[in-house]
N, C-alpha and C. Protein backbone atom coordinates (compact mmCIF):
# COMPACT_ATOMS: atom_id res chain seq x y z
N MET A 1 0.93 -1.26 0.03
CA MET A 1 -0.02 0.04 0.00
C MET A 1 0.86 1.38 0.00
N HIS A 2 1.49 1.29 0.73
CA HIS A 2 2.55 2.71 0.96
C HIS A 2 3.50 2.54 -0.04
N GLU A 3 4.36 1.67 -0.72
CA GLU A 3 4.76 1.83 -2.40
C GLU A 3 3.99 2.16 -3.52
N TRP A 4 2.66 1.65 -3.20
CA TRP A 4 1.87 2.08 -4.46
C TRP A 4 1.47 3.57 -4.22
N LEU A 5 1.07 4.07 -3.04
CA LEU A 5 0.86 5.32 -2.77
C LEU A 5 2.06 6.32 -3.02
N ALA A 6 3.23 6.03 -2.70
CA ALA A 6 4.14 6.79 -2.69
C ALA A 6 5.02 6.84 -4.22
N GLY A 7 4.29 5.96 -5.00
CA GLY A 7 4.39 5.96 -6.46
C GLY A 7 3.48 6.89 -7.29
N ALA A 8 2.36 6.93 -6.59
CA ALA A 8 1.41 7.92 -7.24
C ALA A 8 1.55 8.91 -7.15
N GLU A 9 2.18 9.25 -5.87
CA GLU A 9 2.58 10.69 -5.62
C GLU A 9 3.58 11.19 -6.40
N GLU A 10 4.79 10.24 -6.93
CA GLU A 10 5.71 10.75 -7.46
C GLU A 10 5.46 10.76 -8.76
N ASP A 11 4.50 10.05 -9.50
CA ASP A 11 3.86 10.51 -10.81
C ASP A 11 3.13 11.75 -10.85
N LEU A 12 2.42 12.07 -9.85
CA LEU A 12 1.53 13.21 -9.62
C LEU A 12 2.57 14.65 -9.44
N ARG A 13 3.47 14.45 -8.76
CA ARG A 13 4.63 15.49 -8.88
C ARG A 13 5.50 15.67 -9.90
N ALA A 14 5.77 14.29 -11.03
CA ALA A 14 6.21 14.50 -12.46
C ALA A 14 5.11 15.28 -13.39
N ALA A 15 3.92 14.84 -12.84
CA ALA A 15 3.28 15.20 -14.04
C ALA A 15 2.91 17.01 -14.09
N ALA A 16 2.53 17.16 -12.35
CA ALA A 16 2.63 18.78 -12.44
C ALA A 16 3.86 19.57 -12.96
N GLY A 17 5.13 18.61 -12.47
CA GLY A 17 6.23 19.56 -12.88
C GLY A 17 6.32 20.04 -14.57
N ILE A 18 5.99 18.52 -15.03
CA ILE A 18 6.15 18.72 -16.68
C ILE A 18 5.16 19.86 -17.00
N LEU A 19 4.01 19.66 -16.29
CA LEU A 19 3.19 21.01 -17.15
C LEU A 19 3.59 22.40 -16.62
N GLY A 20 4.10 22.12 -15.60
CA GLY A 20 5.03 23.98 -15.62
C GLY A 20 5.89 24.46 -16.30
N LEU A 21 6.47 23.65 -17.02
CA LEU A 21 7.51 23.57 -18.22
C LEU A 21 7.13 24.56 -19.06
N GLU A 22 8.00 25.43 -19.64
CA GLU A 22 7.63 26.24 -20.84
C GLU A 22 7.40 25.39 -22.18
N ASP A 23 6.51 25.63 -22.65
CA ASP A 23 6.07 24.37 -23.87
C ASP A 23 6.34 23.14 -23.16
N PRO A 24 5.30 22.90 -22.36
CA PRO A 24 5.74 21.22 -21.87
C PRO A 24 5.41 20.07 -22.97
N PRO A 25 5.65 18.86 -22.59
CA PRO A 25 5.16 17.90 -23.37
C PRO A 25 3.82 17.53 -22.83
N LEU A 26 2.72 17.44 -23.29
CA LEU A 26 1.46 17.07 -22.93
C LEU A 26 1.22 15.95 -22.61
N THR A 27 1.86 15.30 -23.68
CA THR A 27 1.39 13.79 -23.65
C THR A 27 2.22 13.17 -22.33
N SER A 28 3.24 13.48 -22.29
CA SER A 28 3.67 13.06 -21.23
C SER A 28 3.40 13.80 -19.42
N THR A 29 2.79 14.64 -19.54
CA THR A 29 1.82 14.98 -18.44
C THR A 29 0.74 14.32 -18.16
N SER A 30 -0.08 13.59 -19.62
CA SER A 30 -0.84 13.09 -19.08
C SER A 30 -0.93 11.73 -18.82
N PHE A 31 0.33 11.11 -19.43
CA PHE A 31 0.73 9.74 -19.09
C PHE A 31 1.05 9.85 -17.34
N HIS A 32 1.54 10.75 -17.18
CA HIS A 32 2.10 10.64 -15.56
C HIS A 32 0.86 10.65 -14.74
N ALA A 33 -0.19 11.72 -15.06
CA ALA A 33 -1.10 11.92 -14.37
C ALA A 33 -2.13 10.46 -14.39
N GLN A 34 -2.14 9.49 -15.79
CA GLN A 34 -2.89 8.59 -15.63
C GLN A 34 -2.01 7.75 -14.52
N GLN A 35 -0.54 7.61 -14.77
CA GLN A 35 -0.12 6.82 -13.60
C GLN A 35 -0.34 7.09 -12.47
N ALA A 36 -0.34 8.19 -11.91
CA ALA A 36 -0.83 8.63 -10.76
C ALA A 36 -2.02 8.20 -10.02
N ALA A 37 -2.93 8.53 -11.07
CA ALA A 37 -4.49 7.74 -10.77
C ALA A 37 -4.57 6.53 -10.50
N GLU A 38 -3.67 5.46 -11.82
CA GLU A 38 -3.67 4.14 -11.25
C GLU A 38 -2.99 3.73 -10.18
N LYS A 39 -1.88 4.10 -9.94
CA LYS A 39 -1.37 3.77 -8.39
C LYS A 39 -2.12 3.92 -7.40
N ALA A 40 -2.38 5.39 -7.25
CA ALA A 40 -3.33 5.49 -5.94
C ALA A 40 -4.38 4.27 -5.85
N ILE A 41 -5.04 4.15 -7.03
CA ILE A 41 -6.10 3.59 -6.74
C ILE A 41 -5.91 1.67 -6.28
N LYS A 42 -4.74 1.35 -6.93
CA LYS A 42 -4.07 0.05 -6.72
C LYS A 42 -3.68 -0.02 -5.33
N ALA A 43 -3.15 1.36 -4.61
CA ALA A 43 -2.79 1.18 -3.18
C ALA A 43 -4.22 0.83 -2.46
N MET A 44 -5.36 1.38 -2.73
CA MET A 44 -6.41 0.89 -2.14
C MET A 44 -6.46 -0.64 -2.21
N LEU A 45 -6.70 -0.89 -3.69
CA LEU A 45 -6.84 -2.65 -3.68
C LEU A 45 -5.88 -3.23 -2.72
N THR A 46 -4.83 -2.96 -2.97
CA THR A 46 -3.70 -3.74 -2.20
C THR A 46 -4.07 -3.55 -0.66
N ARG A 47 -4.58 -2.40 -0.21
CA ARG A 47 -4.59 -2.59 1.24
C ARG A 47 -5.38 -3.36 1.85
N PHE A 48 -6.40 -3.81 1.18
CA PHE A 48 -7.97 -4.65 1.20
C PHE A 48 -7.62 -5.88 0.40
N GLU A 49 -6.39 -5.88 0.21
CA GLU A 49 -6.27 -7.36 -0.42
C GLU A 49 -7.30 -7.74 -1.65
N VAL A 50 -7.33 -6.83 -2.12
CA VAL A 50 -8.25 -7.14 -3.45
C VAL A 50 -7.10 -7.46 -4.62
N PRO A 51 -7.54 -8.33 -5.49
CA PRO A 51 -6.64 -8.80 -6.30
C PRO A 51 -6.42 -7.84 -7.29
N VAL A 52 -5.26 -7.35 -7.78
CA VAL A 52 -4.71 -6.10 -9.02
C VAL A 52 -4.31 -6.76 -9.92
N ASP A 53 -5.22 -6.80 -11.25
CA ASP A 53 -4.91 -6.75 -12.38
C ASP A 53 -3.71 -5.95 -12.97
N LYS A 54 -2.74 -6.94 -13.69
CA LYS A 54 -2.05 -5.80 -14.70
C LYS A 54 -2.83 -5.04 -15.93
N THR A 55 -3.65 -3.97 -15.24
CA THR A 55 -4.39 -3.10 -16.38
C THR A 55 -4.07 -2.06 -16.22
N HIS A 56 -4.56 -1.15 -16.93
CA HIS A 56 -4.18 0.31 -17.01
C HIS A 56 -5.74 1.24 -16.83
N ASP A 57 -6.65 -0.02 -16.98
CA ASP A 57 -8.09 0.84 -17.17
C ASP A 57 -8.71 1.09 -15.94
N LEU A 58 -8.66 2.21 -15.81
CA LEU A 58 -8.83 3.24 -14.44
C LEU A 58 -10.70 2.87 -14.21
N GLY A 59 -11.43 2.87 -14.92
CA GLY A 59 -12.87 2.32 -15.02
C GLY A 59 -12.98 1.03 -14.23
N ALA A 60 -12.09 -0.16 -15.12
CA ALA A 60 -12.18 -1.05 -14.22
C ALA A 60 -11.35 -1.28 -12.74
N LEU A 61 -10.26 -0.71 -12.46
CA LEU A 61 -10.28 -0.49 -11.07
C LEU A 61 -10.72 0.08 -10.31
N LEU A 62 -11.40 1.08 -10.72
CA LEU A 62 -12.50 1.56 -9.62
C LEU A 62 -13.66 0.89 -9.30
N ALA A 63 -14.21 0.01 -10.22
CA ALA A 63 -15.26 -1.05 -10.50
C ALA A 63 -14.65 -1.88 -8.89
N SER A 64 -13.78 -2.16 -9.18
CA SER A 64 -12.90 -3.39 -8.12
C SER A 64 -12.82 -2.75 -6.78
N ALA A 65 -12.70 -1.21 -6.75
CA ALA A 65 -12.51 -0.56 -5.29
C ALA A 65 -13.88 -0.22 -5.01
N GLU A 66 -14.92 0.12 -5.65
CA GLU A 66 -16.24 -0.30 -5.30
C GLU A 66 -16.46 -1.05 -3.86
N SER A 67 -16.01 -2.56 -4.33
CA SER A 67 -16.23 -3.76 -3.00
C SER A 67 -15.68 -2.98 -2.28
N VAL A 68 -14.73 -2.07 -1.72
CA VAL A 68 -14.15 -1.71 -0.49
C VAL A 68 -14.31 -0.23 0.11
N SER A 69 -14.43 0.47 -0.92
CA SER A 69 -14.74 1.78 -0.48
C SER A 69 -16.07 2.43 -1.16
N ARG A 70 -17.44 1.98 -0.87
CA ARG A 70 -18.47 2.42 -1.85
C ARG A 70 -18.36 4.01 -1.81
N GLY A 71 -18.69 4.32 -3.14
CA GLY A 71 -19.18 5.40 -3.67
C GLY A 71 -17.78 6.20 -3.97
N ILE A 72 -16.70 5.50 -4.24
CA ILE A 72 -15.31 5.87 -4.83
C ILE A 72 -15.63 6.43 -6.34
N GLY A 73 -16.60 5.40 -6.89
CA GLY A 73 -16.50 5.89 -8.15
C GLY A 73 -17.37 7.11 -8.57
N THR A 74 -18.33 7.52 -7.63
CA THR A 74 -18.87 8.79 -7.95
C THR A 74 -17.90 9.98 -7.43
N LEU A 75 -17.28 9.57 -6.11
CA LEU A 75 -16.37 10.62 -5.98
C LEU A 75 -15.00 10.85 -6.98
N LEU A 76 -14.39 9.91 -8.09
CA LEU A 76 -13.67 10.19 -8.50
C LEU A 76 -14.26 9.75 -10.21
N ALA A 77 -15.52 10.44 -10.27
CA ALA A 77 -16.21 10.38 -11.35
C ALA A 77 -15.26 11.30 -12.74
N GLY A 78 -15.16 10.61 -13.88
CA GLY A 78 -14.46 11.36 -14.78
C GLY A 78 -13.03 10.84 -14.91
N VAL A 79 -12.37 10.12 -14.04
CA VAL A 79 -10.86 9.76 -14.00
C VAL A 79 -10.54 8.93 -15.22
N GLU A 80 -11.43 8.17 -15.71
CA GLU A 80 -11.52 7.27 -16.75
C GLU A 80 -11.04 8.07 -17.89
N VAL A 81 -10.89 9.19 -18.14
CA VAL A 81 -10.33 9.61 -19.48
C VAL A 81 -9.00 9.51 -19.37
N LEU A 82 -8.39 9.34 -18.24
CA LEU A 82 -7.09 9.53 -18.16
C LEU A 82 -6.57 8.15 -18.95
N THR A 83 -7.36 6.82 -18.97
CA THR A 83 -7.26 5.45 -19.37
C THR A 83 -6.02 5.31 -20.76
N PRO A 84 -6.61 6.06 -21.50
CA PRO A 84 -6.14 5.92 -23.05
C PRO A 84 -4.36 6.67 -22.89
N PHE A 85 -4.11 7.11 -22.00
CA PHE A 85 -2.63 7.87 -21.85
C PHE A 85 -2.00 6.93 -21.46
N ALA A 86 -1.81 5.69 -21.01
CA ALA A 86 -1.38 4.91 -20.32
C ALA A 86 -0.61 4.22 -21.26
N VAL A 87 -0.98 4.14 -22.62
CA VAL A 87 -0.17 3.12 -23.32
C VAL A 87 -0.36 3.66 -24.99
N SER A 88 -1.72 4.19 -25.19
CA SER A 88 -2.00 4.28 -26.85
C SER A 88 -1.65 5.71 -26.67
N GLY A 89 -1.53 6.62 -26.07
CA GLY A 89 -1.02 8.20 -25.97
C GLY A 89 0.32 8.49 -25.64
N ARG A 90 1.38 7.25 -25.68
CA ARG A 90 2.45 7.24 -25.85
C ARG A 90 3.01 6.85 -27.23
N TYR A 91 2.36 6.57 -27.98
CA TYR A 91 2.37 6.08 -29.32
C TYR A 91 2.27 6.89 -30.42
N PRO A 92 2.49 7.02 -31.82
CA PRO A 92 2.16 7.88 -32.79
C PRO A 92 0.96 7.61 -33.26
N GLY A 93 0.08 8.39 -33.41
CA GLY A 93 -1.76 8.38 -33.81
C GLY A 93 -2.27 8.39 -32.42
N GLY A 94 -1.69 8.43 -31.32
CA GLY A 94 -2.53 8.18 -29.88
C GLY A 94 -2.88 9.47 -29.53
N PRO A 95 -3.57 9.65 -28.56
CA PRO A 95 -4.61 11.04 -28.05
C PRO A 95 -3.18 11.73 -27.89
N LYS A 96 -3.97 13.06 -28.04
CA LYS A 96 -2.51 14.36 -27.53
C LYS A 96 -3.71 15.38 -27.33
N PRO A 97 -3.29 15.80 -25.91
CA PRO A 97 -3.90 16.36 -25.21
C PRO A 97 -3.33 17.87 -25.28
N LEU A 98 -4.58 18.78 -25.63
CA LEU A 98 -4.21 20.17 -25.18
C LEU A 98 -3.68 20.40 -23.95
N ALA A 99 -3.37 21.66 -23.86
CA ALA A 99 -2.84 22.43 -22.57
C ALA A 99 -4.00 22.15 -21.39
N GLU A 100 -5.21 22.66 -21.71
CA GLU A 100 -6.47 22.74 -20.53
C GLU A 100 -6.79 21.28 -20.21
N ALA A 101 -6.32 20.36 -21.36
CA ALA A 101 -6.67 18.87 -20.82
C ALA A 101 -5.82 18.41 -19.74
N ALA A 102 -4.78 18.46 -20.33
CA ALA A 102 -3.50 18.27 -19.44
C ALA A 102 -3.76 18.83 -18.35
N ALA A 103 -4.10 20.16 -17.89
CA ALA A 103 -4.09 20.47 -16.72
C ALA A 103 -5.21 19.86 -16.03
N ARG A 104 -6.50 19.23 -16.74
CA ARG A 104 -7.43 18.91 -16.11
C ARG A 104 -6.93 17.45 -15.70
N HIS A 105 -6.34 16.82 -16.35
CA HIS A 105 -5.69 15.50 -16.35
C HIS A 105 -4.72 15.40 -15.04
N VAL A 106 -3.80 16.37 -14.73
CA VAL A 106 -3.46 16.79 -13.38
C VAL A 106 -4.14 16.85 -12.36
N ALA A 107 -5.33 17.81 -12.65
CA ALA A 107 -6.19 17.86 -11.31
C ALA A 107 -6.89 16.44 -11.14
N LEU A 108 -7.16 15.97 -12.09
CA LEU A 108 -8.19 14.58 -11.84
C LEU A 108 -7.37 13.60 -11.07
N ALA A 109 -5.93 13.59 -11.27
CA ALA A 109 -4.80 12.61 -10.73
C ALA A 109 -4.77 13.12 -9.18
N ARG A 110 -4.60 14.61 -8.93
CA ARG A 110 -4.26 15.04 -7.61
C ARG A 110 -5.68 14.76 -6.81
N ARG A 111 -6.61 14.92 -7.41
CA ARG A 111 -8.00 14.55 -6.77
C ARG A 111 -8.26 13.05 -6.46
N THR A 112 -7.59 12.07 -7.09
CA THR A 112 -7.77 10.75 -6.87
C THR A 112 -6.94 10.49 -5.99
N THR A 113 -5.58 11.03 -5.91
CA THR A 113 -4.73 10.59 -4.98
C THR A 113 -5.34 11.34 -3.77
N GLU A 114 -5.49 12.52 -3.50
CA GLU A 114 -6.23 12.76 -2.09
C GLU A 114 -7.49 12.14 -1.87
N VAL A 115 -8.23 11.76 -2.47
CA VAL A 115 -9.35 10.94 -2.29
C VAL A 115 -8.97 9.27 -1.34
N VAL A 116 -8.19 8.77 -2.33
CA VAL A 116 -7.32 7.45 -1.60
C VAL A 116 -7.08 7.84 -0.44
N ARG A 117 -5.67 8.85 -0.34
CA ARG A 117 -4.96 9.06 0.92
C ARG A 117 -5.75 9.42 2.02
N ALA A 118 -7.09 9.95 1.88
CA ALA A 118 -7.95 10.42 2.73
C ALA A 118 -8.42 8.98 3.20
N ALA A 119 -8.79 8.04 2.48
CA ALA A 119 -9.70 6.85 2.57
C ALA A 119 -8.81 5.69 3.26
N LEU A 120 -7.58 5.79 3.33
CA LEU A 120 -6.49 5.00 3.88
C LEU A 120 -5.48 5.58 4.93
N GLN A 121 -6.17 6.61 5.32
CA GLN A 121 -5.55 7.31 6.50
C GLN A 121 -5.04 7.17 7.52
N THR A 122 -6.27 6.15 8.09
CA THR A 122 -6.21 5.71 9.37
C THR A 122 -5.15 4.36 9.16
N TYR A 123 -5.07 3.58 8.21
CA TYR A 123 -4.33 2.30 7.89
C TYR A 123 -2.62 3.18 7.57
N LEU A 124 -2.71 4.34 7.24
CA LEU A 124 -1.45 4.56 6.94
C LEU A 124 -0.73 5.13 8.08
N ASP A 125 -1.57 5.86 9.31
CA ASP A 125 -0.96 6.06 10.52
C ASP A 125 -0.69 5.10 11.27
N SER A 126 -1.53 3.67 11.03
CA SER A 126 -1.18 2.57 12.05
C SER A 126 -0.17 1.59 11.67
N GLU A 127 0.42 1.76 10.39
CA GLU A 127 1.17 0.69 9.67
C GLU A 127 2.33 1.38 9.23
N PRO A 128 3.72 0.73 9.74
CA PRO A 128 4.91 1.32 9.44
C PRO A 128 5.17 1.20 7.72
N SER A 129 5.57 2.41 7.30
CA SER A 129 5.89 2.33 5.79
C SER A 129 7.02 1.34 5.59
N ALA A 130 7.14 0.87 4.08
CA ALA A 130 7.90 -0.18 3.83
C ALA A 130 9.26 0.95 3.63
N THR A 131 9.58 2.01 3.45
CA THR A 131 10.51 2.70 3.50
C THR A 131 11.18 3.21 4.49
């Protein structure tokens, strides 16, 4: 759980940092935003011992998270738009976000990380981190 959440926060910092560059590579911004959201959700799934598939599909991950955190899908509605940036967005012909969309992607990733951290805070406070 700790490693997944730390990875989410690292990707969130990367996405926000890239977005802050002059003429930022927006596809990289959205990729790191997707990775942050994915890792945050996987932190929750790992904490509750829900099997975590090797998937980048945020909709599927949220559906799994509903079993341990009712309403998380509603709280994080819209995060699924990040899914294409995990793989296809990194290749020619894949989705290319505009600056406004990339900023929304970072905001979605931030919200996802914050919601998951808040949901797991009791566990984070009571368990030693692996680092």
